[in-house]
Amino acid sequence: IKDTALLVETTGRLLIPEKMAFGAALRLWGRDWGSLIISGDFSLQNWANYRLNLTTDAQLDNGLYQAQSLHYGLEFRPAVERSTGFLSKGQYRLGYRKSTTPLRFSGNDILQTGYSAGWSIPILNSSSKLHLGAEYCITGTTVDGLIQEKYLQMAFGVSLTPSIFDRWFRQIKYD
């Protein structure tokens, strides 16, 4: 029986390249319609500077390139004071992202693109919220016989925030 695992007892050095990121957000507000937040960010990381030196035989730090990503987002909150409908109490989000991964095959950069949408709903007139979200992603390319992956992921979350009416969060004062 031949074992395919190899145990190498050695020390090494790992160098992860620095990452630069820039972002900005702008909030627009109107008494009649609510608020709109527009945000975006850009990041850049040169993975060609990545180094992993464990043994002289292993070349684990070759073949990586510069990665960059660009993200945009919108969040809309309707004016609660002007409307009493159920839909006016939620928060609505849309997002887009496009990134170049540090991988390159047959001279082709591997790209990732994602489109996202989300909705947050208040729970029973409290600060707690129920969050629903979805993201459709495309990774890779079909050029030169490469594989492209398309997937849809769904998210569900709850944020529990105490209110001033919850007794167990009140601070007890003694005289």
N, C-alpha and C. Protein backbone atom coordinates (compact mmCIF):
# COMPACT_ATOMS: atom_id res chain seq x y z
N ILE A 1 0.86 -1.18 0.00
CA ILE A 1 0.00 0.00 0.00
C ILE A 1 0.90 1.23 0.00
N LYS A 2 0.64 2.13 -0.92
CA LYS A 2 1.44 3.33 -1.03
C LYS A 2 0.61 4.53 -0.58
N ASP A 3 1.16 5.33 0.32
CA ASP A 3 0.47 6.51 0.83
C ASP A 3 0.79 7.69 -0.08
N THR A 4 -0.23 8.45 -0.45
CA THR A 4 -0.02 9.60 -1.34
C THR A 4 0.21 10.89 -0.56
N ALA A 5 0.01 10.89 0.73
CA ALA A 5 0.24 12.08 1.54
C ALA A 5 1.72 12.24 1.84
N LEU A 6 2.15 13.48 1.90
CA LEU A 6 3.55 13.76 2.17
C LEU A 6 3.63 14.73 3.32
N LEU A 7 4.38 14.37 4.32
CA LEU A 7 4.58 15.23 5.48
C LEU A 7 5.94 15.89 5.35
N VAL A 8 5.91 17.22 5.28
CA VAL A 8 7.15 17.98 5.19
C VAL A 8 7.25 18.82 6.45
N GLU A 9 8.23 18.52 7.27
CA GLU A 9 8.43 19.29 8.49
C GLU A 9 9.48 20.35 8.21
N THR A 10 9.02 21.56 8.05
CA THR A 10 9.92 22.65 7.73
C THR A 10 9.30 23.97 8.19
N THR A 11 10.07 24.98 8.23
CA THR A 11 9.55 26.32 8.50
C THR A 11 9.60 27.10 7.20
N GLY A 12 8.79 28.11 7.11
CA GLY A 12 8.74 28.88 5.88
C GLY A 12 8.32 30.31 6.14
N ARG A 13 8.07 30.99 5.07
CA ARG A 13 7.70 32.39 5.16
C ARG A 13 6.54 32.66 4.21
N LEU A 14 5.54 33.39 4.69
CA LEU A 14 4.37 33.73 3.91
C LEU A 14 4.28 35.25 3.79
N LEU A 15 4.13 35.75 2.57
CA LEU A 15 3.99 37.17 2.32
C LEU A 15 2.70 37.39 1.54
N ILE A 16 1.73 38.04 2.17
CA ILE A 16 0.48 38.37 1.52
C ILE A 16 0.56 39.82 1.07
N PRO A 17 0.25 40.11 -0.20
CA PRO A 17 0.40 41.48 -0.70
C PRO A 17 -0.60 42.44 -0.06
N GLU A 18 -0.19 43.71 0.01
CA GLU A 18 -1.07 44.73 0.58
C GLU A 18 -2.26 44.96 -0.35
N LYS A 19 -3.32 45.46 0.24
CA LYS A 19 -4.55 45.73 -0.50
C LYS A 19 -4.92 47.19 -0.31
N MET A 20 -5.22 47.85 -1.40
CA MET A 20 -5.67 49.24 -1.34
C MET A 20 -7.15 49.27 -1.71
N ALA A 21 -7.92 50.00 -0.92
CA ALA A 21 -9.35 50.10 -1.19
C ALA A 21 -9.82 51.53 -0.95
N PHE A 22 -10.72 51.98 -1.80
CA PHE A 22 -11.28 53.31 -1.70
C PHE A 22 -12.80 53.18 -1.82
N GLY A 23 -13.51 53.92 -1.01
CA GLY A 23 -14.96 53.86 -1.06
C GLY A 23 -15.59 55.19 -0.69
N ALA A 24 -16.84 55.36 -1.12
CA ALA A 24 -17.57 56.58 -0.81
C ALA A 24 -19.06 56.26 -0.80
N ALA A 25 -19.79 57.07 -0.03
CA ALA A 25 -21.24 56.93 0.04
C ALA A 25 -21.86 58.32 0.07
N LEU A 26 -23.02 58.43 -0.54
CA LEU A 26 -23.75 59.68 -0.58
C LEU A 26 -25.18 59.41 -0.15
N ARG A 27 -25.68 60.19 0.80
CA ARG A 27 -27.05 60.01 1.28
C ARG A 27 -27.89 61.20 0.84
N LEU A 28 -28.96 60.91 0.13
CA LEU A 28 -29.92 61.92 -0.30
C LEU A 28 -31.18 61.73 0.53
N TRP A 29 -31.76 62.82 0.99
CA TRP A 29 -32.91 62.72 1.86
C TRP A 29 -33.98 63.73 1.45
N GLY A 30 -35.21 63.29 1.49
CA GLY A 30 -36.34 64.17 1.21
C GLY A 30 -37.48 63.84 2.16
N ARG A 31 -38.11 64.86 2.69
CA ARG A 31 -39.19 64.64 3.65
C ARG A 31 -40.36 63.89 3.04
N ASP A 32 -40.60 64.11 1.77
CA ASP A 32 -41.76 63.50 1.12
C ASP A 32 -41.50 62.08 0.62
N TRP A 33 -40.28 61.74 0.28
CA TRP A 33 -40.03 60.43 -0.32
C TRP A 33 -39.11 59.53 0.50
N GLY A 34 -38.32 60.03 1.42
CA GLY A 34 -37.48 59.18 2.26
C GLY A 34 -36.01 59.43 2.02
N SER A 35 -35.19 58.38 2.09
CA SER A 35 -33.75 58.55 1.90
C SER A 35 -33.22 57.52 0.90
N LEU A 36 -32.18 57.93 0.21
CA LEU A 36 -31.51 57.09 -0.76
C LEU A 36 -30.01 57.17 -0.49
N ILE A 37 -29.37 56.02 -0.32
CA ILE A 37 -27.93 55.96 -0.11
C ILE A 37 -27.31 55.32 -1.34
N ILE A 38 -26.37 56.03 -1.94
CA ILE A 38 -25.63 55.54 -3.10
C ILE A 38 -24.19 55.33 -2.65
N SER A 39 -23.67 54.12 -2.85
CA SER A 39 -22.31 53.83 -2.37
C SER A 39 -21.54 53.07 -3.43
N GLY A 40 -20.22 53.13 -3.31
CA GLY A 40 -19.35 52.40 -4.22
C GLY A 40 -17.97 52.25 -3.62
N ASP A 41 -17.27 51.23 -4.02
CA ASP A 41 -15.88 51.09 -3.59
C ASP A 41 -15.08 50.34 -4.65
N PHE A 42 -13.79 50.56 -4.61
CA PHE A 42 -12.85 49.96 -5.54
C PHE A 42 -11.68 49.42 -4.73
N SER A 43 -11.22 48.22 -5.03
CA SER A 43 -10.06 47.66 -4.34
C SER A 43 -9.09 47.06 -5.35
N LEU A 44 -7.83 47.05 -4.96
CA LEU A 44 -6.76 46.59 -5.82
C LEU A 44 -5.75 45.83 -4.97
N GLN A 45 -5.36 44.64 -5.42
CA GLN A 45 -4.38 43.83 -4.69
C GLN A 45 -3.54 43.06 -5.70
N ASN A 46 -2.23 43.28 -5.67
CA ASN A 46 -1.33 42.66 -6.63
C ASN A 46 -0.82 41.33 -6.09
N TRP A 47 -1.47 40.24 -6.48
CA TRP A 47 -1.12 38.91 -5.99
C TRP A 47 0.15 38.37 -6.64
N ALA A 48 0.73 39.10 -7.59
CA ALA A 48 2.03 38.69 -8.14
C ALA A 48 3.11 38.83 -7.09
N ASN A 49 2.87 39.64 -6.06
CA ASN A 49 3.83 39.82 -4.95
C ASN A 49 3.66 38.77 -3.85
N TYR A 50 2.71 37.86 -3.99
CA TYR A 50 2.48 36.79 -3.00
C TYR A 50 3.67 35.83 -2.99
N ARG A 51 4.12 35.50 -1.81
CA ARG A 51 5.24 34.57 -1.67
C ARG A 51 4.93 33.56 -0.57
N LEU A 52 5.20 32.29 -0.88
CA LEU A 52 5.09 31.22 0.10
C LEU A 52 6.31 30.33 -0.08
N ASN A 53 7.26 30.46 0.80
CA ASN A 53 8.50 29.70 0.71
C ASN A 53 8.52 28.65 1.82
N LEU A 54 8.27 27.41 1.45
CA LEU A 54 8.32 26.30 2.40
C LEU A 54 9.52 25.41 2.12
N THR A 55 9.63 24.92 0.90
CA THR A 55 10.75 24.09 0.51
C THR A 55 11.28 24.59 -0.83
N THR A 56 12.41 24.14 -1.22
CA THR A 56 12.96 24.55 -2.51
C THR A 56 12.26 23.83 -3.66
N ASP A 57 11.60 22.70 -3.37
CA ASP A 57 10.93 21.94 -4.43
C ASP A 57 9.58 22.55 -4.81
N ALA A 58 8.88 23.10 -3.85
CA ALA A 58 7.53 23.59 -4.10
C ALA A 58 7.57 25.02 -4.64
N GLN A 59 6.86 25.25 -5.72
CA GLN A 59 6.71 26.59 -6.27
C GLN A 59 5.24 26.98 -6.12
N LEU A 60 4.88 27.35 -4.91
CA LEU A 60 3.48 27.61 -4.59
C LEU A 60 3.08 29.07 -4.80
N ASP A 61 4.02 29.90 -5.24
CA ASP A 61 3.70 31.31 -5.38
C ASP A 61 3.79 31.79 -6.83
N ASN A 62 3.70 30.89 -7.78
CA ASN A 62 3.74 31.27 -9.19
C ASN A 62 2.34 31.31 -9.78
N GLY A 63 2.14 32.16 -10.76
CA GLY A 63 0.90 32.14 -11.52
C GLY A 63 -0.22 33.00 -11.00
N LEU A 64 0.02 33.88 -10.05
CA LEU A 64 -1.02 34.78 -9.57
C LEU A 64 -0.80 36.17 -10.14
N TYR A 65 -1.90 36.90 -10.34
CA TYR A 65 -1.83 38.20 -10.99
C TYR A 65 -2.57 39.24 -10.15
N GLN A 66 -2.68 40.44 -10.67
CA GLN A 66 -3.34 41.53 -9.96
C GLN A 66 -4.85 41.32 -9.93
N ALA A 67 -5.44 41.49 -8.75
CA ALA A 67 -6.89 41.37 -8.59
C ALA A 67 -7.46 42.76 -8.30
N GLN A 68 -8.63 43.02 -8.87
CA GLN A 68 -9.29 44.28 -8.60
C GLN A 68 -10.79 44.04 -8.56
N SER A 69 -11.48 44.88 -7.81
CA SER A 69 -12.93 44.73 -7.72
C SER A 69 -13.60 46.09 -7.61
N LEU A 70 -14.81 46.14 -8.12
CA LEU A 70 -15.61 47.35 -8.13
C LEU A 70 -17.01 46.98 -7.66
N HIS A 71 -17.51 47.71 -6.65
CA HIS A 71 -18.83 47.42 -6.08
C HIS A 71 -19.68 48.69 -6.07
N TYR A 72 -20.94 48.55 -6.41
CA TYR A 72 -21.90 49.65 -6.34
C TYR A 72 -23.10 49.19 -5.52
N GLY A 73 -23.75 50.13 -4.85
CA GLY A 73 -24.93 49.75 -4.09
C GLY A 73 -25.90 50.91 -3.92
N LEU A 74 -27.17 50.57 -3.78
CA LEU A 74 -28.24 51.53 -3.50
C LEU A 74 -29.07 51.00 -2.34
N GLU A 75 -29.47 51.90 -1.47
CA GLU A 75 -30.41 51.54 -0.41
C GLU A 75 -31.48 52.62 -0.35
N PHE A 76 -32.73 52.21 -0.40
CA PHE A 76 -33.85 53.14 -0.36
C PHE A 76 -34.71 52.86 0.86
N ARG A 77 -35.01 53.92 1.61
CA ARG A 77 -35.92 53.85 2.76
C ARG A 77 -37.04 54.85 2.54
N PRO A 78 -38.28 54.38 2.32
CA PRO A 78 -39.39 55.32 2.12
C PRO A 78 -39.65 56.14 3.38
N ALA A 79 -40.26 57.30 3.19
CA ALA A 79 -40.61 58.17 4.31
C ALA A 79 -41.73 57.51 5.11
N VAL A 80 -41.44 57.14 6.35
CA VAL A 80 -42.41 56.43 7.19
C VAL A 80 -43.51 57.37 7.67
N GLU A 81 -43.19 58.63 7.90
CA GLU A 81 -44.17 59.58 8.43
C GLU A 81 -45.29 59.87 7.44
N ARG A 82 -45.01 59.78 6.15
CA ARG A 82 -45.98 60.13 5.12
C ARG A 82 -46.91 58.99 4.75
N SER A 83 -46.55 57.76 5.06
CA SER A 83 -47.31 56.62 4.61
C SER A 83 -47.43 55.59 5.73
N THR A 84 -48.54 54.88 5.74
CA THR A 84 -48.74 53.87 6.78
C THR A 84 -48.78 52.45 6.23
N GLY A 85 -48.53 52.27 4.94
CA GLY A 85 -48.58 50.94 4.33
C GLY A 85 -47.43 50.05 4.77
N PHE A 86 -47.62 48.76 4.60
CA PHE A 86 -46.60 47.78 4.99
C PHE A 86 -45.32 47.95 4.19
N LEU A 87 -45.43 48.21 2.89
CA LEU A 87 -44.25 48.34 2.04
C LEU A 87 -43.44 49.60 2.36
N SER A 88 -44.07 50.60 2.96
CA SER A 88 -43.35 51.84 3.27
C SER A 88 -42.46 51.71 4.50
N LYS A 89 -42.58 50.63 5.24
CA LYS A 89 -41.77 50.44 6.45
C LYS A 89 -40.50 49.64 6.21
N GLY A 90 -40.30 49.16 4.99
CA GLY A 90 -39.12 48.34 4.68
C GLY A 90 -37.96 49.16 4.17
N GLN A 91 -36.84 48.47 3.98
CA GLN A 91 -35.65 49.03 3.36
C GLN A 91 -35.34 48.16 2.15
N TYR A 92 -35.01 48.79 1.04
CA TYR A 92 -34.79 48.09 -0.22
C TYR A 92 -33.35 48.33 -0.67
N ARG A 93 -32.69 47.25 -1.11
CA ARG A 93 -31.28 47.36 -1.51
C ARG A 93 -31.05 46.68 -2.86
N LEU A 94 -30.18 47.30 -3.66
CA LEU A 94 -29.72 46.73 -4.92
C LEU A 94 -28.20 46.85 -4.96
N GLY A 95 -27.54 45.87 -5.56
CA GLY A 95 -26.09 45.92 -5.63
C GLY A 95 -25.56 45.29 -6.90
N TYR A 96 -24.36 45.71 -7.26
CA TYR A 96 -23.66 45.17 -8.42
C TYR A 96 -22.17 45.09 -8.07
N ARG A 97 -21.54 44.01 -8.47
CA ARG A 97 -20.10 43.89 -8.25
C ARG A 97 -19.46 43.20 -9.44
N LYS A 98 -18.24 43.64 -9.74
CA LYS A 98 -17.46 43.02 -10.81
C LYS A 98 -16.02 42.98 -10.34
N SER A 99 -15.40 41.82 -10.43
CA SER A 99 -14.03 41.69 -9.96
C SER A 99 -13.22 40.78 -10.87
N THR A 100 -11.94 41.05 -10.90
CA THR A 100 -10.97 40.22 -11.60
C THR A 100 -10.23 39.43 -10.53
N THR A 101 -10.27 38.13 -10.60
CA THR A 101 -9.59 37.29 -9.61
C THR A 101 -8.10 37.25 -9.92
N PRO A 102 -7.27 36.80 -8.98
CA PRO A 102 -5.83 36.70 -9.26
C PRO A 102 -5.45 35.52 -10.15
N LEU A 103 -6.43 34.78 -10.65
CA LEU A 103 -6.15 33.61 -11.48
C LEU A 103 -6.25 33.96 -12.96
N ARG A 104 -5.41 33.31 -13.77
CA ARG A 104 -5.44 33.49 -15.22
C ARG A 104 -5.14 32.13 -15.84
N PHE A 105 -6.03 31.69 -16.75
CA PHE A 105 -5.85 30.41 -17.43
C PHE A 105 -5.84 30.64 -18.93
N SER A 106 -4.88 30.08 -19.59
CA SER A 106 -4.73 30.20 -21.05
C SER A 106 -4.76 31.66 -21.49
N GLY A 107 -4.20 32.55 -20.68
CA GLY A 107 -4.17 33.97 -21.01
C GLY A 107 -5.48 34.69 -20.76
N ASN A 108 -6.47 34.03 -20.17
CA ASN A 108 -7.78 34.63 -19.91
C ASN A 108 -7.93 34.93 -18.42
N ASP A 109 -8.26 36.18 -18.11
CA ASP A 109 -8.56 36.53 -16.72
C ASP A 109 -9.88 35.90 -16.31
N ILE A 110 -9.95 35.47 -15.06
CA ILE A 110 -11.18 34.90 -14.52
C ILE A 110 -11.95 36.02 -13.83
N LEU A 111 -13.12 36.33 -14.35
CA LEU A 111 -13.95 37.43 -13.85
C LEU A 111 -15.08 36.90 -13.00
N GLN A 112 -15.53 37.72 -12.05
CA GLN A 112 -16.72 37.43 -11.25
C GLN A 112 -17.66 38.63 -11.36
N THR A 113 -18.92 38.36 -11.60
CA THR A 113 -19.93 39.40 -11.68
C THR A 113 -21.10 38.97 -10.81
N GLY A 114 -21.65 39.91 -10.06
CA GLY A 114 -22.77 39.59 -9.18
C GLY A 114 -23.80 40.70 -9.14
N TYR A 115 -25.06 40.31 -9.12
CA TYR A 115 -26.19 41.22 -8.99
C TYR A 115 -26.96 40.82 -7.74
N SER A 116 -27.24 41.77 -6.87
CA SER A 116 -27.90 41.41 -5.61
C SER A 116 -29.09 42.33 -5.35
N ALA A 117 -30.03 41.80 -4.58
CA ALA A 117 -31.21 42.55 -4.15
C ALA A 117 -31.57 42.10 -2.74
N GLY A 118 -32.07 43.04 -1.94
CA GLY A 118 -32.43 42.70 -0.57
C GLY A 118 -33.59 43.54 -0.07
N TRP A 119 -34.23 43.03 0.96
CA TRP A 119 -35.39 43.69 1.56
C TRP A 119 -35.35 43.44 3.06
N SER A 120 -35.46 44.50 3.84
CA SER A 120 -35.52 44.39 5.30
C SER A 120 -36.89 44.87 5.76
N ILE A 121 -37.52 44.07 6.62
CA ILE A 121 -38.87 44.34 7.09
C ILE A 121 -38.85 44.44 8.61
N PRO A 122 -39.44 45.50 9.19
CA PRO A 122 -39.49 45.58 10.65
C PRO A 122 -40.43 44.52 11.23
N ILE A 123 -40.10 44.08 12.44
CA ILE A 123 -40.90 43.06 13.11
C ILE A 123 -41.71 43.71 14.22
N LEU A 124 -43.01 43.71 14.10
CA LEU A 124 -43.95 44.14 15.15
C LEU A 124 -43.63 45.49 15.78
N ASN A 125 -43.50 46.51 14.98
CA ASN A 125 -43.27 47.88 15.47
C ASN A 125 -42.08 47.99 16.42
N SER A 126 -41.03 47.26 16.16
CA SER A 126 -39.83 47.33 16.99
C SER A 126 -38.64 47.70 16.10
N SER A 127 -37.48 47.77 16.68
CA SER A 127 -36.27 48.03 15.90
C SER A 127 -35.70 46.75 15.29
N SER A 128 -36.23 45.60 15.67
CA SER A 128 -35.79 44.32 15.10
C SER A 128 -36.27 44.21 13.66
N LYS A 129 -35.49 43.46 12.85
CA LYS A 129 -35.82 43.36 11.43
C LYS A 129 -35.61 41.95 10.91
N LEU A 130 -36.36 41.64 9.88
CA LEU A 130 -36.23 40.41 9.11
C LEU A 130 -35.60 40.80 7.79
N HIS A 131 -34.52 40.10 7.39
CA HIS A 131 -33.78 40.44 6.18
C HIS A 131 -33.88 39.31 5.16
N LEU A 132 -34.23 39.65 3.92
CA LEU A 132 -34.28 38.69 2.82
C LEU A 132 -33.38 39.21 1.72
N GLY A 133 -32.61 38.32 1.09
CA GLY A 133 -31.71 38.75 0.04
C GLY A 133 -31.44 37.65 -0.96
N ALA A 134 -31.00 38.07 -2.15
CA ALA A 134 -30.64 37.12 -3.20
C ALA A 134 -29.50 37.73 -4.02
N GLU A 135 -28.65 36.84 -4.53
CA GLU A 135 -27.55 37.29 -5.39
C GLU A 135 -27.38 36.29 -6.53
N TYR A 136 -27.32 36.82 -7.74
CA TYR A 136 -27.05 36.02 -8.92
C TYR A 136 -25.62 36.29 -9.35
N CYS A 137 -24.79 35.26 -9.46
CA CYS A 137 -23.36 35.42 -9.73
C CYS A 137 -22.95 34.64 -10.97
N ILE A 138 -21.98 35.20 -11.68
CA ILE A 138 -21.37 34.54 -12.83
C ILE A 138 -19.87 34.59 -12.61
N THR A 139 -19.22 33.43 -12.63
CA THR A 139 -17.78 33.34 -12.42
C THR A 139 -17.16 32.56 -13.57
N GLY A 140 -16.07 33.08 -14.13
CA GLY A 140 -15.34 32.37 -15.17
C GLY A 140 -15.75 32.77 -16.57
N THR A 141 -15.28 31.98 -17.54
CA THR A 141 -15.55 32.24 -18.95
C THR A 141 -15.57 30.91 -19.70
N THR A 142 -16.21 30.90 -20.85
CA THR A 142 -16.23 29.69 -21.68
C THR A 142 -15.23 29.78 -22.83
N VAL A 143 -14.42 30.83 -22.88
CA VAL A 143 -13.41 30.99 -23.92
C VAL A 143 -12.31 29.95 -23.72
N ASP A 144 -11.81 29.39 -24.81
CA ASP A 144 -10.73 28.39 -24.80
C ASP A 144 -11.08 27.15 -23.98
N GLY A 145 -12.33 26.77 -23.93
CA GLY A 145 -12.74 25.55 -23.24
C GLY A 145 -12.77 25.65 -21.73
N LEU A 146 -12.74 26.85 -21.18
CA LEU A 146 -12.80 27.02 -19.73
C LEU A 146 -14.25 26.89 -19.25
N ILE A 147 -14.42 26.84 -17.95
CA ILE A 147 -15.73 26.61 -17.35
C ILE A 147 -16.28 27.91 -16.78
N GLN A 148 -17.56 28.13 -17.03
CA GLN A 148 -18.25 29.28 -16.45
C GLN A 148 -19.30 28.76 -15.48
N GLU A 149 -19.33 29.36 -14.30
CA GLU A 149 -20.27 28.94 -13.25
C GLU A 149 -21.29 30.05 -13.04
N LYS A 150 -22.56 29.67 -13.02
CA LYS A 150 -23.65 30.60 -12.73
C LYS A 150 -24.44 30.03 -11.56
N TYR A 151 -24.72 30.87 -10.58
CA TYR A 151 -25.46 30.37 -9.43
C TYR A 151 -26.29 31.48 -8.81
N LEU A 152 -27.28 31.08 -8.06
CA LEU A 152 -28.16 31.98 -7.33
C LEU A 152 -28.09 31.59 -5.87
N GLN A 153 -27.78 32.54 -5.02
CA GLN A 153 -27.77 32.24 -3.59
C GLN A 153 -28.78 33.13 -2.88
N MET A 154 -29.45 32.53 -1.92
CA MET A 154 -30.48 33.21 -1.15
C MET A 154 -30.00 33.39 0.28
N ALA A 155 -30.42 34.48 0.90
CA ALA A 155 -30.02 34.75 2.28
C ALA A 155 -31.25 35.15 3.10
N PHE A 156 -31.24 34.73 4.36
CA PHE A 156 -32.30 35.03 5.29
C PHE A 156 -31.64 35.36 6.62
N GLY A 157 -32.07 36.44 7.24
CA GLY A 157 -31.47 36.82 8.51
C GLY A 157 -32.44 37.58 9.39
N VAL A 158 -32.13 37.60 10.67
CA VAL A 158 -32.93 38.32 11.65
C VAL A 158 -31.98 39.12 12.52
N SER A 159 -32.28 40.39 12.71
CA SER A 159 -31.51 41.19 13.67
C SER A 159 -32.45 41.59 14.81
N LEU A 160 -32.10 41.15 16.01
CA LEU A 160 -32.91 41.43 17.18
C LEU A 160 -32.33 42.61 17.93
N THR A 161 -33.09 43.68 18.02
CA THR A 161 -32.64 44.89 18.68
C THR A 161 -33.61 45.19 19.82
N PRO A 162 -33.12 45.35 21.03
CA PRO A 162 -34.03 45.62 22.14
C PRO A 162 -34.62 47.02 22.03
N SER A 163 -35.84 47.18 22.51
CA SER A 163 -36.47 48.50 22.54
C SER A 163 -36.53 48.99 23.99
N ILE A 164 -36.99 50.21 24.17
CA ILE A 164 -37.03 50.77 25.53
C ILE A 164 -38.12 50.11 26.37
N PHE A 165 -39.00 49.35 25.72
CA PHE A 165 -40.09 48.71 26.46
C PHE A 165 -39.74 47.31 26.95
N ASP A 166 -38.59 46.79 26.57
CA ASP A 166 -38.17 45.46 27.02
C ASP A 166 -37.62 45.57 28.44
N ARG A 167 -38.25 44.88 29.38
CA ARG A 167 -37.88 44.99 30.79
C ARG A 167 -36.51 44.43 31.11
N TRP A 168 -36.09 43.37 30.46
CA TRP A 168 -34.83 42.73 30.82
C TRP A 168 -33.61 43.54 30.38
N PHE A 169 -33.81 44.60 29.60
CA PHE A 169 -32.69 45.45 29.21
C PHE A 169 -32.63 46.75 30.00
N ARG A 170 -33.55 46.93 30.91
CA ARG A 170 -33.54 48.15 31.73
C ARG A 170 -32.51 48.03 32.84
N GLN A 171 -31.85 49.13 33.09
CA GLN A 171 -30.88 49.15 34.19
C GLN A 171 -31.63 49.44 35.48
N ILE A 172 -31.38 48.60 36.48
CA ILE A 172 -32.05 48.75 37.77
C ILE A 172 -31.33 49.80 38.60
N LYS A 173 -32.08 50.73 39.14
CA LYS A 173 -31.50 51.78 39.97
C LYS A 173 -31.91 51.55 41.42
N TYR A 174 -30.94 51.66 42.31
CA TYR A 174 -31.19 51.50 43.74
C TYR A 174 -31.07 52.84 44.42
N ASP A 175 -31.89 53.08 45.41
CA ASP A 175 -31.81 54.31 46.21
C ASP A 175 -30.95 54.11 47.41
